[in-house]
């Protein structure tokens, strides 16, 4: 073999090796694909997803599926091969990693945030459902958590309802933060709270904030919560986080609290965040959620109005996209379709 031939052969081998290496190099993207679904009217490990105590409930029929997306986990890296495979798969979306996982957050922080969003969305879903059925919902400010080794330890507890701070009545978590922020480290604050239905006053001596030595610090996480006239609990068997299941939780609660079957025995799926007043908000991965719903057997899919333009790119064969902007829209559309499956209801441009 001549030197020229040997050099060309070595170059070719190195080129192949470099291409193979580049194929495995991590890229700043994640893949989003259809995830599992959960029937909010059903059971998980033998326990109902929705449990209601202290109020009459009615038999339900059919399915109201919440939908999810499967995303490259925060502690994994998508390589070039995976990115190209995602581009070639119509069921998969490849998006910049920073859209899903902010660069300043650790995987643990992302998980914690998703869990918090799920808990908040469940509370909002219960509030929206009860308001839809005409039950009384009271907005309150509560202690979400007490920071370890802080002045509040042993004095305030999670789920305490905060009524006032130093005699000033509060109506939002932001107001609590502002009232504490007016003080200096070392000042005493009196919290008027309700615990177990009984009012009490708790005096706490503030200390320096861990992030600002000039700011007073109590050591609680206040949040805007609700008090309900009866118990509603949501049990999920899958590791699902984020706020996008709120609308489907609310619909399941409404179905259980009202006579008749909301679905008419049909297989309905959907998605959407929800606030306590019943407003449905947009979510990510709408096309993947529609694909997952179809694979699960759903024939009707409830789409947040703001997601309709993106939903238009999904395959809608054998599934009907119903546009909703509020919980009331969703209930009304399902009631109409229950009476007549071929009736006209708001859609995302397709029947």
C-alpha atoms as a PDB file:
ATOM      1  CA  UNK A   1       0.000   0.000   0.000  1.00  0.00           C
ATOM      2  CA  UNK A   2       1.434   3.387  -1.029  1.00  0.00           C
ATOM      3  CA  UNK A   3       1.839   6.222   1.488  1.00  0.00           C
ATOM      4  CA  UNK A   4      -0.858   8.213  -0.329  1.00  0.00           C
ATOM      5  CA  UNK A   5      -3.315   5.324  -0.135  1.00  0.00           C
ATOM      6  CA  UNK A   6      -2.534   4.739   3.533  1.00  0.00           C
ATOM      7  CA  UNK A   7      -3.033   8.433   4.309  1.00  0.00           C
ATOM      8  CA  UNK A   8      -6.407   8.475   2.550  1.00  0.00           C
ATOM      9  CA  UNK A   9      -7.508   5.339   4.387  1.00  0.00           C
ATOM     10  CA  UNK A  10      -6.493   6.792   7.752  1.00  0.00           C
ATOM     11  CA  UNK A  11      -8.280  10.035   6.928  1.00  0.00           C
ATOM     12  CA  UNK A  12     -11.432   8.134   6.023  1.00  0.00           C
ATOM     13  CA  UNK A  13     -11.314   6.158   9.279  1.00  0.00           C
ATOM     14  CA  UNK A  14     -10.819   9.356  11.303  1.00  0.00           C
ATOM     15  CA  UNK A  15     -13.659  11.058   9.447  1.00  0.00           C
ATOM     16  CA  UNK A  16     -16.025   8.160  10.164  1.00  0.00           C
ATOM     17  CA  UNK A  17     -14.949   8.190  13.816  1.00  0.00           C
ATOM     18  CA  UNK A  18     -15.557  11.936  14.073  1.00  0.00           C
ATOM     19  CA  UNK A  19     -19.000  11.624  12.481  1.00  0.00           C
ATOM     20  CA  UNK A  20     -19.889   8.749  14.825  1.00  0.00           C
ATOM     21  CA  UNK A  21     -18.675  10.786  17.799  1.00  0.00           C
ATOM     22  CA  UNK A  22     -20.622  13.851  16.691  1.00  0.00           C
ATOM     23  CA  UNK A  23     -23.715  11.643  16.361  1.00  0.00           C
ATOM     24  CA  UNK A  24     -23.517  10.949  20.096  1.00  0.00           C
ATOM     25  CA  UNK A  25     -22.679  14.475  21.255  1.00  0.00           C
ATOM     26  CA  UNK A  26     -25.390  15.980  23.510  1.00  0.00           C
ATOM     27  CA  UNK A  27     -27.448  18.771  21.937  1.00  0.00           C
ATOM     28  CA  UNK A  28     -29.369  21.563  23.742  1.00  0.00           C
ATOM     29  CA  UNK A  29     -32.774  20.125  22.859  1.00  0.00           C
ATOM     30  CA  UNK A  30     -35.365  17.815  24.403  1.00  0.00           C
ATOM     31  CA  UNK A  31     -37.837  15.434  22.772  1.00  0.00           C
ATOM     32  CA  UNK A  32     -41.533  15.661  23.607  1.00  0.00           C
ATOM     33  CA  UNK A  33     -43.761  12.666  22.800  1.00  0.00           C
ATOM     34  CA  UNK A  34     -47.225  11.383  23.789  1.00  0.00           C
ATOM     35  CA  UNK A  35     -47.312  10.379  27.444  1.00  0.00           C
ATOM     36  CA  UNK A  36     -49.676   8.208  29.501  1.00  0.00           C
ATOM     37  CA  UNK A  37     -53.307   9.104  30.133  1.00  0.00           C
ATOM     38  CA  UNK A  38     -55.352   8.746  33.321  1.00  0.00           C
ATOM     39  CA  UNK A  39     -59.124   8.402  33.599  1.00  0.00           C
ATOM     40  CA  UNK A  40     -60.119  10.958  36.237  1.00  0.00           C
ATOM     41  CA  UNK A  41     -63.413   9.089  36.724  1.00  0.00           C
ATOM     42  CA  UNK A  42     -61.592   5.830  37.346  1.00  0.00           C
ATOM     43  CA  UNK A  43     -59.379   4.237  39.973  1.00  0.00           C
ATOM     44  CA  UNK A  44     -55.658   3.911  40.588  1.00  0.00           C
ATOM     45  CA  UNK A  45     -54.410   0.921  42.585  1.00  0.00           C
ATOM     46  CA  UNK A  46     -57.972   0.299  43.707  1.00  0.00           C
ATOM     47  CA  UNK A  47     -58.549   3.874  44.901  1.00  0.00           C
ATOM     48  CA  UNK A  48     -60.735   6.441  43.070  1.00  0.00           C
ATOM     49  CA  UNK A  49     -58.822   9.286  41.449  1.00  0.00           C
ATOM     50  CA  UNK A  50     -61.489  11.638  42.842  1.00  0.00           C
ATOM     51  CA  UNK A  51     -62.867  11.035  46.349  1.00  0.00           C
ATOM     52  CA  UNK A  52     -65.657  13.217  47.778  1.00  0.00           C
ATOM     53  CA  UNK A  53     -66.852  13.051  51.389  1.00  0.00           C
ATOM     54  CA  UNK A  54     -69.596  15.078  53.054  1.00  0.00           C
ATOM     55  CA  UNK A  55     -71.673  15.652  49.923  1.00  0.00           C
ATOM     56  CA  UNK A  56     -73.960  13.482  47.826  1.00  0.00           C
ATOM     57  CA  UNK A  57     -72.308  12.002  44.737  1.00  0.00           C
ATOM     58  CA  UNK A  58     -73.790  10.396  41.626  1.00  0.00           C
ATOM     59  CA  UNK A  59     -72.726   7.429  39.466  1.00  0.00           C
ATOM     60  CA  UNK A  60     -70.540   8.297  36.480  1.00  0.00           C
ATOM     61  CA  UNK A  61     -70.044   6.610  33.160  1.00  0.00           C
ATOM     62  CA  UNK A  62     -67.498   6.772  30.346  1.00  0.00           C
ATOM     63  CA  UNK A  63     -64.045   8.315  30.677  1.00  0.00           C
ATOM     64  CA  UNK A  64     -62.589  11.773  31.251  1.00  0.00           C
ATOM     65  CA  UNK A  65     -58.891  11.289  30.531  1.00  0.00           C
ATOM     66  CA  UNK A  66     -56.201  13.737  31.524  1.00  0.00           C
ATOM     67  CA  UNK A  67     -53.339  13.625  29.036  1.00  0.00           C
ATOM     68  CA  UNK A  68     -49.598  14.046  29.473  1.00  0.00           C
ATOM     69  CA  UNK A  69     -46.415  14.356  27.464  1.00  0.00           C
ATOM     70  CA  UNK A  70     -43.196  12.416  27.942  1.00  0.00           C
ATOM     71  CA  UNK A  71     -40.191  14.744  27.886  1.00  0.00           C
ATOM     72  CA  UNK A  72     -36.480  14.018  28.030  1.00  0.00           C
ATOM     73  CA  UNK A  73     -35.781  14.082  31.774  1.00  0.00           C
ATOM     74  CA  UNK A  74     -33.777  16.998  33.235  1.00  0.00           C
ATOM     75  CA  UNK A  75     -30.859  14.730  34.179  1.00  0.00           C
ATOM     76  CA  UNK A  76     -30.578  13.234  30.682  1.00  0.00           C
ATOM     77  CA  UNK A  77     -29.107  14.690  27.489  1.00  0.00           C
ATOM     78  CA  UNK A  78     -30.552  14.273  24.006  1.00  0.00           C
ATOM     79  CA  UNK A  79     -27.887  13.380  21.437  1.00  0.00           C
ATOM     80  CA  UNK A  80     -27.835  14.249  17.753  1.00  0.00           C
ATOM     81  CA  UNK A  81     -29.134  10.810  16.804  1.00  0.00           C
ATOM     82  CA  UNK A  82     -32.109  11.207  19.123  1.00  0.00           C
ATOM     83  CA  UNK A  83     -32.790  14.712  17.831  1.00  0.00           C
ATOM     84  CA  UNK A  84     -32.852  13.548  14.182  1.00  0.00           C
ATOM     85  CA  UNK A  85     -35.068  10.584  15.107  1.00  0.00           C
ATOM     86  CA  UNK A  86     -37.458  13.008  16.793  1.00  0.00           C
ATOM     87  CA  UNK A  87     -37.573  15.251  13.747  1.00  0.00           C
ATOM     88  CA  UNK A  88     -38.481  12.273  11.583  1.00  0.00           C
ATOM     89  CA  UNK A  89     -41.266  11.081  13.918  1.00  0.00           C
ATOM     90  CA  UNK A  90     -44.528  13.031  13.426  1.00  0.00           C
ATOM     91  CA  UNK A  91     -45.572  12.160  17.004  1.00  0.00           C
ATOM     92  CA  UNK A  92     -42.494  13.802  18.500  1.00  0.00           C
ATOM     93  CA  UNK A  93     -41.577  17.481  18.912  1.00  0.00           C
ATOM     94  CA  UNK A  94     -37.958  18.565  19.356  1.00  0.00           C
ATOM     95  CA  UNK A  95     -37.707  21.865  21.222  1.00  0.00           C
ATOM     96  CA  UNK A  96     -34.920  23.913  22.852  1.00  0.00           C
ATOM     97  CA  UNK A  97     -34.034  22.524  26.278  1.00  0.00           C
ATOM     98  CA  UNK A  98     -34.261  25.950  27.939  1.00  0.00           C
ATOM     99  CA  UNK A  99     -37.980  26.114  27.045  1.00  0.00           C
ATOM    100  CA  UNK A 100     -38.620  23.224  29.430  1.00  0.00           C
ATOM    101  CA  UNK A 101     -35.707  23.304  31.875  1.00  0.00           C
ATOM    102  CA  UNK A 102     -34.455  26.790  32.804  1.00  0.00           C
ATOM    103  CA  UNK A 103     -30.629  26.743  32.951  1.00  0.00           C
ATOM    104  CA  UNK A 104     -30.619  28.195  36.485  1.00  0.00           C
ATOM    105  CA  UNK A 105     -32.640  25.276  37.936  1.00  0.00           C
ATOM    106  CA  UNK A 106     -31.400  21.882  39.072  1.00  0.00           C
ATOM    107  CA  UNK A 107     -33.311  18.677  38.216  1.00  0.00           C
ATOM    108  CA  UNK A 108     -34.479  18.522  41.849  1.00  0.00           C
ATOM    109  CA  UNK A 109     -35.787  22.086  41.664  1.00  0.00           C
ATOM    110  CA  UNK A 110     -37.642  21.307  38.428  1.00  0.00           C
ATOM    111  CA  UNK A 111     -39.289  18.279  40.063  1.00  0.00           C
ATOM    112  CA  UNK A 112     -40.250  20.309  43.121  1.00  0.00           C
ATOM    113  CA  UNK A 113     -41.736  23.058  40.973  1.00  0.00           C
ATOM    114  CA  UNK A 114     -43.781  20.543  38.965  1.00  0.00           C
ATOM    115  CA  UNK A 115     -45.098  18.981  42.164  1.00  0.00           C
ATOM    116  CA  UNK A 116     -46.065  22.404  43.527  1.00  0.00           C
ATOM    117  CA  UNK A 117     -47.835  23.289  40.268  1.00  0.00           C
ATOM    118  CA  UNK A 118     -49.777  20.038  40.404  1.00  0.00           C
ATOM    119  CA  UNK A 119     -50.880  20.688  43.996  1.00  0.00           C
ATOM    120  CA  UNK A 120     -51.909  24.265  43.172  1.00  0.00           C
ATOM    121  CA  UNK A 121     -53.791  23.153  40.067  1.00  0.00           C
ATOM    122  CA  UNK A 122     -55.713  20.549  42.065  1.00  0.00           C
ATOM    123  CA  UNK A 123     -56.854  23.158  44.574  1.00  0.00           C
ATOM    124  CA  UNK A 124     -57.907  25.500  41.765  1.00  0.00           C
ATOM    125  CA  UNK A 125     -59.731  22.641  40.036  1.00  0.00           C
ATOM    126  CA  UNK A 126     -61.719  21.839  43.175  1.00  0.00           C
ATOM    127  CA  UNK A 127     -62.597  25.510  43.628  1.00  0.00           C
ATOM    128  CA  UNK A 128     -63.674  25.890  39.991  1.00  0.00           C
ATOM    129  CA  UNK A 129     -65.770  22.705  40.105  1.00  0.00           C
ATOM    130  CA  UNK A 130     -67.568  23.664  43.305  1.00  0.00           C
ATOM    131  CA  UNK A 131     -68.313  27.122  41.973  1.00  0.00           C
ATOM    132  CA  UNK A 132     -69.668  25.509  38.806  1.00  0.00           C
ATOM    133  CA  UNK A 133     -72.027  23.351  40.892  1.00  0.00           C
ATOM    134  CA  UNK A 134     -73.101  26.269  43.079  1.00  0.00           C
ATOM    135  CA  UNK A 135     -71.261  25.269  46.251  1.00  0.00           C
ATOM    136  CA  UNK A 136     -69.580  27.879  48.431  1.00  0.00           C
ATOM    137  CA  UNK A 137     -65.840  28.348  48.120  1.00  0.00           C
ATOM    138  CA  UNK A 138     -63.960  30.693  50.452  1.00  0.00           C
ATOM    139  CA  UNK A 139     -60.628  32.193  49.405  1.00  0.00           C
ATOM    140  CA  UNK A 140     -58.051  32.193  52.208  1.00  0.00           C
ATOM    141  CA  UNK A 141     -54.343  32.783  52.738  1.00  0.00           C
ATOM    142  CA  UNK A 142     -52.617  29.724  54.137  1.00  0.00           C
ATOM    143  CA  UNK A 143     -49.189  28.617  55.286  1.00  0.00           C
ATOM    144  CA  UNK A 144     -47.890  26.258  52.646  1.00  0.00           C
ATOM    145  CA  UNK A 145     -44.708  25.285  54.467  1.00  0.00           C
ATOM    146  CA  UNK A 146     -42.483  26.343  57.351  1.00  0.00           C
ATOM    147  CA  UNK A 147     -38.752  26.694  56.671  1.00  0.00           C
ATOM    148  CA  UNK A 148     -36.520  24.531  58.852  1.00  0.00           C
ATOM    149  CA  UNK A 149     -34.640  26.296  61.678  1.00  0.00           C
ATOM    150  CA  UNK A 150     -36.609  29.513  61.083  1.00  0.00           C
ATOM    151  CA  UNK A 151     -38.418  31.675  63.685  1.00  0.00           C
ATOM    152  CA  UNK A 152     -41.769  30.226  62.592  1.00  0.00           C
ATOM    153  CA  UNK A 153     -40.863  26.652  63.562  1.00  0.00           C
ATOM    154  CA  UNK A 154     -43.112  25.488  66.397  1.00  0.00           C
ATOM    155  CA  UNK A 155     -45.290  28.582  66.103  1.00  0.00           C
ATOM    156  CA  UNK A 156     -46.939  28.362  62.695  1.00  0.00           C
ATOM    157  CA  UNK A 157     -47.874  25.164  60.887  1.00  0.00           C
ATOM    158  CA  UNK A 158     -48.633  24.166  57.310  1.00  0.00           C
ATOM    159  CA  UNK A 159     -52.352  24.672  56.512  1.00  0.00           C
ATOM    160  CA  UNK A 160     -52.732  27.459  59.118  1.00  0.00           C
ATOM    161  CA  UNK A 161     -55.100  30.097  57.725  1.00  0.00           C
ATOM    162  CA  UNK A 162     -53.533  33.565  58.062  1.00  0.00           C
ATOM    163  CA  UNK A 163     -56.191  36.116  58.985  1.00  0.00           C
ATOM    164  CA  UNK A 164     -54.041  39.163  59.790  1.00  0.00           C
ATOM    165  CA  UNK A 165     -50.473  40.344  60.342  1.00  0.00           C
ATOM    166  CA  UNK A 166     -50.059  42.876  63.157  1.00  0.00           C
ATOM    167  CA  UNK A 167     -53.776  43.621  63.056  1.00  0.00           C
ATOM    168  CA  UNK A 168     -53.930  44.192  59.299  1.00  0.00           C
ATOM    169  CA  UNK A 169     -56.332  41.753  57.630  1.00  0.00           C
ATOM    170  CA  UNK A 170     -54.824  39.934  54.666  1.00  0.00           C
ATOM    171  CA  UNK A 171     -56.438  38.663  51.490  1.00  0.00           C
ATOM    172  CA  UNK A 172     -53.426  37.420  49.513  1.00  0.00           C
ATOM    173  CA  UNK A 173     -50.064  35.744  50.000  1.00  0.00           C
ATOM    174  CA  UNK A 174     -48.394  38.747  48.388  1.00  0.00           C
ATOM    175  CA  UNK A 175     -49.882  40.991  51.053  1.00  0.00           C
ATOM    176  CA  UNK A 176     -48.398  38.795  53.810  1.00  0.00           C
ATOM    177  CA  UNK A 177     -44.959  39.044  52.213  1.00  0.00           C
ATOM    178  CA  UNK A 178     -45.302  42.833  51.921  1.00  0.00           C
ATOM    179  CA  UNK A 179     -46.362  43.252  55.561  1.00  0.00           C
ATOM    180  CA  UNK A 180     -43.427  41.186  56.812  1.00  0.00           C
ATOM    181  CA  UNK A 181     -41.109  43.127  54.516  1.00  0.00           C
ATOM    182  CA  UNK A 182     -41.983  46.413  56.212  1.00  0.00           C
ATOM    183  CA  UNK A 183     -40.216  45.270  59.379  1.00  0.00           C
ATOM    184  CA  UNK A 184     -36.598  45.026  60.429  1.00  0.00           C
ATOM    185  CA  UNK A 185     -34.798  41.881  61.616  1.00  0.00           C
ATOM    186  CA  UNK A 186     -35.458  41.472  65.338  1.00  0.00           C
ATOM    187  CA  UNK A 187     -38.950  43.001  65.233  1.00  0.00           C
ATOM    188  CA  UNK A 188     -41.859  41.075  66.687  1.00  0.00           C
ATOM    189  CA  UNK A 189     -44.851  40.251  64.500  1.00  0.00           C
ATOM    190  CA  UNK A 190     -48.265  39.041  65.597  1.00  0.00           C
ATOM    191  CA  UNK A 191     -49.942  36.590  63.243  1.00  0.00           C
ATOM    192  CA  UNK A 192     -53.674  36.080  63.666  1.00  0.00           C
ATOM    193  CA  UNK A 193     -54.394  32.595  62.346  1.00  0.00           C
ATOM    194  CA  UNK A 194     -57.070  29.926  62.345  1.00  0.00           C
ATOM    195  CA  UNK A 195     -55.976  26.379  63.051  1.00  0.00           C
ATOM    196  CA  UNK A 196     -58.404  23.474  63.230  1.00  0.00           C
ATOM    197  CA  UNK A 197     -61.282  25.930  63.047  1.00  0.00           C
ATOM    198  CA  UNK A 198     -60.113  27.865  66.106  1.00  0.00           C
ATOM    199  CA  UNK A 199     -58.588  31.382  66.018  1.00  0.00           C
ATOM    200  CA  UNK A 200     -55.312  32.116  67.781  1.00  0.00           C
ATOM    201  CA  UNK A 201     -52.578  34.747  67.856  1.00  0.00           C
ATOM    202  CA  UNK A 202     -48.938  33.847  67.409  1.00  0.00           C
ATOM    203  CA  UNK A 203     -46.048  36.213  68.141  1.00  0.00           C
ATOM    204  CA  UNK A 204     -42.840  35.658  66.169  1.00  0.00           C
ATOM    205  CA  UNK A 205     -39.523  37.482  66.486  1.00  0.00           C
ATOM    206  CA  UNK A 206     -38.094  37.975  63.011  1.00  0.00           C
ATOM    207  CA  UNK A 207     -34.498  37.341  62.007  1.00  0.00           C
ATOM    208  CA  UNK A 208     -32.310  38.286  59.032  1.00  0.00           C
ATOM    209  CA  UNK A 209     -33.352  37.022  55.631  1.00  0.00           C
ATOM    210  CA  UNK A 210     -30.923  34.442  54.198  1.00  0.00           C
ATOM    211  CA  UNK A 211     -30.770  36.474  50.985  1.00  0.00           C
ATOM    212  CA  UNK A 212     -30.819  40.018  52.421  1.00  0.00           C
ATOM    213  CA  UNK A 213     -29.491  40.818  55.901  1.00  0.00           C
ATOM    214  CA  UNK A 214     -31.535  44.037  55.987  1.00  0.00           C
ATOM    215  CA  UNK A 215     -34.884  42.283  55.479  1.00  0.00           C
ATOM    216  CA  UNK A 216     -36.997  40.651  58.164  1.00  0.00           C
ATOM    217  CA  UNK A 217     -37.472  36.908  57.879  1.00  0.00           C
ATOM    218  CA  UNK A 218     -40.174  34.749  59.454  1.00  0.00           C
ATOM    219  CA  UNK A 219     -39.696  31.478  57.591  1.00  0.00           C
ATOM    220  CA  UNK A 220     -43.066  30.635  56.033  1.00  0.00           C
ATOM    221  CA  UNK A 221     -44.313  30.143  52.511  1.00  0.00           C
ATOM    222  CA  UNK A 222     -47.776  31.739  52.291  1.00  0.00           C
ATOM    223  CA  UNK A 223     -50.059  30.871  49.394  1.00  0.00           C
ATOM    224  CA  UNK A 224     -53.518  31.749  48.136  1.00  0.00           C
ATOM    225  CA  UNK A 225     -55.707  28.779  49.018  1.00  0.00           C
ATOM    226  CA  UNK A 226     -59.328  27.864  49.565  1.00  0.00           C
ATOM    227  CA  UNK A 227     -61.647  26.447  52.160  1.00  0.00           C
ATOM    228  CA  UNK A 228     -64.283  24.039  50.908  1.00  0.00           C
ATOM    229  CA  UNK A 229     -67.601  23.051  52.522  1.00  0.00           C
ATOM    230  CA  UNK A 230     -66.777  19.345  52.152  1.00  0.00           C
ATOM    231  CA  UNK A 231     -63.754  17.156  51.441  1.00  0.00           C
ATOM    232  CA  UNK A 232     -62.527  16.556  47.897  1.00  0.00           C
ATOM    233  CA  UNK A 233     -59.310  14.576  47.426  1.00  0.00           C
ATOM    234  CA  UNK A 234     -57.375  13.800  44.251  1.00  0.00           C
ATOM    235  CA  UNK A 235     -55.242  10.667  44.081  1.00  0.00           C
ATOM    236  CA  UNK A 236     -52.880  10.038  41.162  1.00  0.00           C
ATOM    237  CA  UNK A 237     -50.970   6.804  40.724  1.00  0.00           C
ATOM    238  CA  UNK A 238     -48.573   8.119  38.101  1.00  0.00           C
ATOM    239  CA  UNK A 239     -45.719  10.521  38.627  1.00  0.00           C
ATOM    240  CA  UNK A 240     -47.460  13.447  36.954  1.00  0.00           C
ATOM    241  CA  UNK A 241     -46.508  17.058  37.605  1.00  0.00           C
ATOM    242  CA  UNK A 242     -47.406  20.495  36.336  1.00  0.00           C
ATOM    243  CA  UNK A 243     -50.732  22.332  36.101  1.00  0.00           C
ATOM    244  CA  UNK A 244     -52.155  21.051  32.809  1.00  0.00           C
ATOM    245  CA  UNK A 245     -54.533  18.434  34.278  1.00  0.00           C
ATOM    246  CA  UNK A 246     -56.623  21.018  36.136  1.00  0.00           C
ATOM    247  CA  UNK A 247     -59.522  21.161  33.680  1.00  0.00           C
ATOM    248  CA  UNK A 248     -59.987  17.383  33.609  1.00  0.00           C
ATOM    249  CA  UNK A 249     -59.923  17.180  37.412  1.00  0.00           C
ATOM    250  CA  UNK A 250     -62.597  19.863  37.584  1.00  0.00           C
ATOM    251  CA  UNK A 251     -64.819  18.084  35.053  1.00  0.00           C
ATOM    252  CA  UNK A 252     -64.597  14.810  36.969  1.00  0.00           C
ATOM    253  CA  UNK A 253     -65.593  16.555  40.201  1.00  0.00           C
ATOM    254  CA  UNK A 254     -68.538  18.259  38.478  1.00  0.00           C
ATOM    255  CA  UNK A 255     -69.638  14.911  37.028  1.00  0.00           C
ATOM    256  CA  UNK A 256     -69.582  13.250  40.447  1.00  0.00           C
ATOM    257  CA  UNK A 257     -71.480  16.104  42.108  1.00  0.00           C
ATOM    258  CA  UNK A 258     -74.284  16.350  39.545  1.00  0.00           C
ATOM    259  CA  UNK A 259     -76.998  13.929  38.437  1.00  0.00           C
ATOM    260  CA  UNK A 260     -76.608  12.195  35.094  1.00  0.00           C
ATOM    261  CA  UNK A 261     -73.471  11.224  33.180  1.00  0.00           C
ATOM    262  CA  UNK A 262     -71.548  14.152  31.755  1.00  0.00           C
ATOM    263  CA  UNK A 263     -69.834  12.020  29.095  1.00  0.00           C
ATOM    264  CA  UNK A 264     -72.910  10.050  28.074  1.00  0.00           C
ATOM    265  CA  UNK A 265     -70.719   6.956  28.295  1.00  0.00           C
ATOM    266  CA  UNK A 266     -68.278   8.287  25.688  1.00  0.00           C
ATOM    267  CA  UNK A 267     -64.483   8.341  25.915  1.00  0.00           C
ATOM    268  CA  UNK A 268     -63.452  11.971  26.347  1.00  0.00           C
ATOM    269  CA  UNK A 269     -59.937  13.309  26.860  1.00  0.00           C
ATOM    270  CA  UNK A 270     -58.548  16.798  27.216  1.00  0.00           C
ATOM    271  CA  UNK A 271     -56.128  19.180  28.803  1.00  0.00           C
ATOM    272  CA  UNK A 272     -55.792  22.731  30.092  1.00  0.00           C
ATOM    273  CA  UNK A 273     -54.814  24.653  33.170  1.00  0.00           C
ATOM    274  CA  UNK A 274     -57.660  26.104  35.198  1.00  0.00           C
ATOM    275  CA  UNK A 275     -58.020  28.905  37.705  1.00  0.00           C
ATOM    276  CA  UNK A 276     -60.448  29.089  40.619  1.00  0.00           C
ATOM    277  CA  UNK A 277     -62.973  31.012  38.500  1.00  0.00           C
ATOM    278  CA  UNK A 278     -63.024  28.292  35.853  1.00  0.00           C
ATOM    279  CA  UNK A 279     -60.909  29.958  33.166  1.00  0.00           C
ATOM    280  CA  UNK A 280     -59.076  27.379  31.045  1.00  0.00           C
ATOM    281  CA  UNK A 281     -55.494  28.215  30.065  1.00  0.00           C
ATOM    282  CA  UNK A 282     -53.114  26.907  27.366  1.00  0.00           C
ATOM    283  CA  UNK A 283     -50.555  24.162  27.828  1.00  0.00           C
ATOM    284  CA  UNK A 284     -47.525  22.782  25.974  1.00  0.00           C
ATOM    285  CA  UNK A 285     -47.377  19.713  23.757  1.00  0.00           C
ATOM    286  CA  UNK A 286     -50.957  19.882  22.496  1.00  0.00           C
ATOM    287  CA  UNK A 287     -50.274  17.784  19.392  1.00  0.00           C
ATOM    288  CA  UNK A 288     -48.561  15.081  21.435  1.00  0.00           C
ATOM    289  CA  UNK A 289     -51.472  15.038  23.905  1.00  0.00           C
ATOM    290  CA  UNK A 290     -54.004  14.641  21.114  1.00  0.00           C
ATOM    291  CA  UNK A 291     -51.954  11.754  19.692  1.00  0.00           C
ATOM    292  CA  UNK A 292     -51.786  10.131  23.142  1.00  0.00           C
ATOM    293  CA  UNK A 293     -55.547  10.530  23.593  1.00  0.00           C
ATOM    294  CA  UNK A 294     -56.229   8.873  20.226  1.00  0.00           C
ATOM    295  CA  UNK A 295     -53.942   5.987  21.103  1.00  0.00           C
ATOM    296  CA  UNK A 296     -55.850   5.620  24.364  1.00  0.00           C
ATOM    297  CA  UNK A 297     -59.181   5.336  22.524  1.00  0.00           C
ATOM    298  CA  UNK A 298     -60.659   8.819  23.065  1.00  0.00           C
ATOM    299  CA  UNK A 299     -63.074  10.106  20.422  1.00  0.00           C
ATOM    300  CA  UNK A 300     -63.485  13.651  21.783  1.00  0.00           C
ATOM    301  CA  UNK A 301     -60.690  15.970  22.897  1.00  0.00           C
ATOM    302  CA  UNK A 302     -61.189  19.214  24.837  1.00  0.00           C
ATOM    303  CA  UNK A 303     -58.703  21.845  23.629  1.00  0.00           C
ATOM    304  CA  UNK A 304     -57.963  25.135  25.420  1.00  0.00           C
ATOM    305  CA  UNK A 305     -59.003  27.914  23.034  1.00  0.00           C
ATOM    306  CA  UNK A 306     -55.495  29.393  22.961  1.00  0.00           C
ATOM    307  CA  UNK A 307     -54.088  26.021  21.813  1.00  0.00           C
ATOM    308  CA  UNK A 308     -56.430  25.679  18.826  1.00  0.00           C
ATOM    309  CA  UNK A 309     -53.971  27.094  16.239  1.00  0.00           C
ATOM    310  CA  UNK A 310     -51.299  24.584  17.309  1.00  0.00           C
ATOM    311  CA  UNK A 311     -53.848  21.761  17.533  1.00  0.00           C
ATOM    312  CA  UNK A 312     -54.686  22.302  13.868  1.00  0.00           C
ATOM    313  CA  UNK A 313     -51.400  20.566  12.998  1.00  0.00           C
ATOM    314  CA  UNK A 314     -52.400  17.333  14.725  1.00  0.00           C
ATOM    315  CA  UNK A 315     -53.956  14.335  13.040  1.00  0.00           C
ATOM    316  CA  UNK A 316     -57.670  14.500  13.880  1.00  0.00           C
ATOM    317  CA  UNK A 317     -58.861  11.345  12.181  1.00  0.00           C
ATOM    318  CA  UNK A 318     -61.362   9.580  14.471  1.00  0.00           C
ATOM    319  CA  UNK A 319     -61.199  12.310  17.131  1.00  0.00           C
ATOM    320  CA  UNK A 320     -63.172  15.523  17.498  1.00  0.00           C
ATOM    321  CA  UNK A 321     -61.475  18.664  18.823  1.00  0.00           C
ATOM    322  CA  UNK A 322     -63.774  20.770  21.000  1.00  0.00           C
ATOM    323  CA  UNK A 323     -62.678  24.327  21.792  1.00  0.00           C
ATOM    324  CA  UNK A 324     -63.137  25.480  25.408  1.00  0.00           C
ATOM    325  CA  UNK A 325     -62.218  28.724  27.155  1.00  0.00           C
ATOM    326  CA  UNK A 326     -63.908  28.016  30.503  1.00  0.00           C
ATOM    327  CA  UNK A 327     -65.080  25.097  32.591  1.00  0.00           C
ATOM    328  CA  UNK A 328     -68.646  26.140  31.794  1.00  0.00           C
ATOM    329  CA  UNK A 329     -67.811  25.814  28.067  1.00  0.00           C
ATOM    330  CA  UNK A 330     -66.579  22.264  28.635  1.00  0.00           C
ATOM    331  CA  UNK A 331     -69.617  21.243  30.675  1.00  0.00           C
ATOM    332  CA  UNK A 332     -72.020  22.785  28.138  1.00  0.00           C
ATOM    333  CA  UNK A 333     -70.313  21.128  25.162  1.00  0.00           C
ATOM    334  CA  UNK A 334     -70.341  17.704  26.812  1.00  0.00           C
ATOM    335  CA  UNK A 335     -73.995  18.089  27.778  1.00  0.00           C
ATOM    336  CA  UNK A 336     -74.886  18.959  24.181  1.00  0.00           C
ATOM    337  CA  UNK A 337     -72.913  16.017  22.783  1.00  0.00           C
ATOM    338  CA  UNK A 338     -74.453  13.749  25.412  1.00  0.00           C
ATOM    339  CA  UNK A 339     -77.910  14.487  24.003  1.00  0.00           C
ATOM    340  CA  UNK A 340     -76.777  14.402  20.369  1.00  0.00           C
ATOM    341  CA  UNK A 341     -73.260  13.183  19.444  1.00  0.00           C
ATOM    342  CA  UNK A 342     -73.580  14.858  16.042  1.00  0.00           C
ATOM    343  CA  UNK A 343     -74.606  18.252  17.435  1.00  0.00           C
ATOM    344  CA  UNK A 344     -72.664  21.394  16.597  1.00  0.00           C
ATOM    345  CA  UNK A 345     -70.292  22.589  19.312  1.00  0.00           C
ATOM    346  CA  UNK A 346     -67.323  25.007  19.182  1.00  0.00           C
ATOM    347  CA  UNK A 347     -64.350  23.297  17.530  1.00  0.00           C
ATOM    348  CA  UNK A 348     -60.786  24.076  16.527  1.00  0.00           C
ATOM    349  CA  UNK A 349     -61.748  24.497  12.907  1.00  0.00           C
ATOM    350  CA  UNK A 350     -62.488  20.841  12.302  1.00  0.00           C
ATOM    351  CA  UNK A 351     -65.602  18.852  13.029  1.00  0.00           C
END
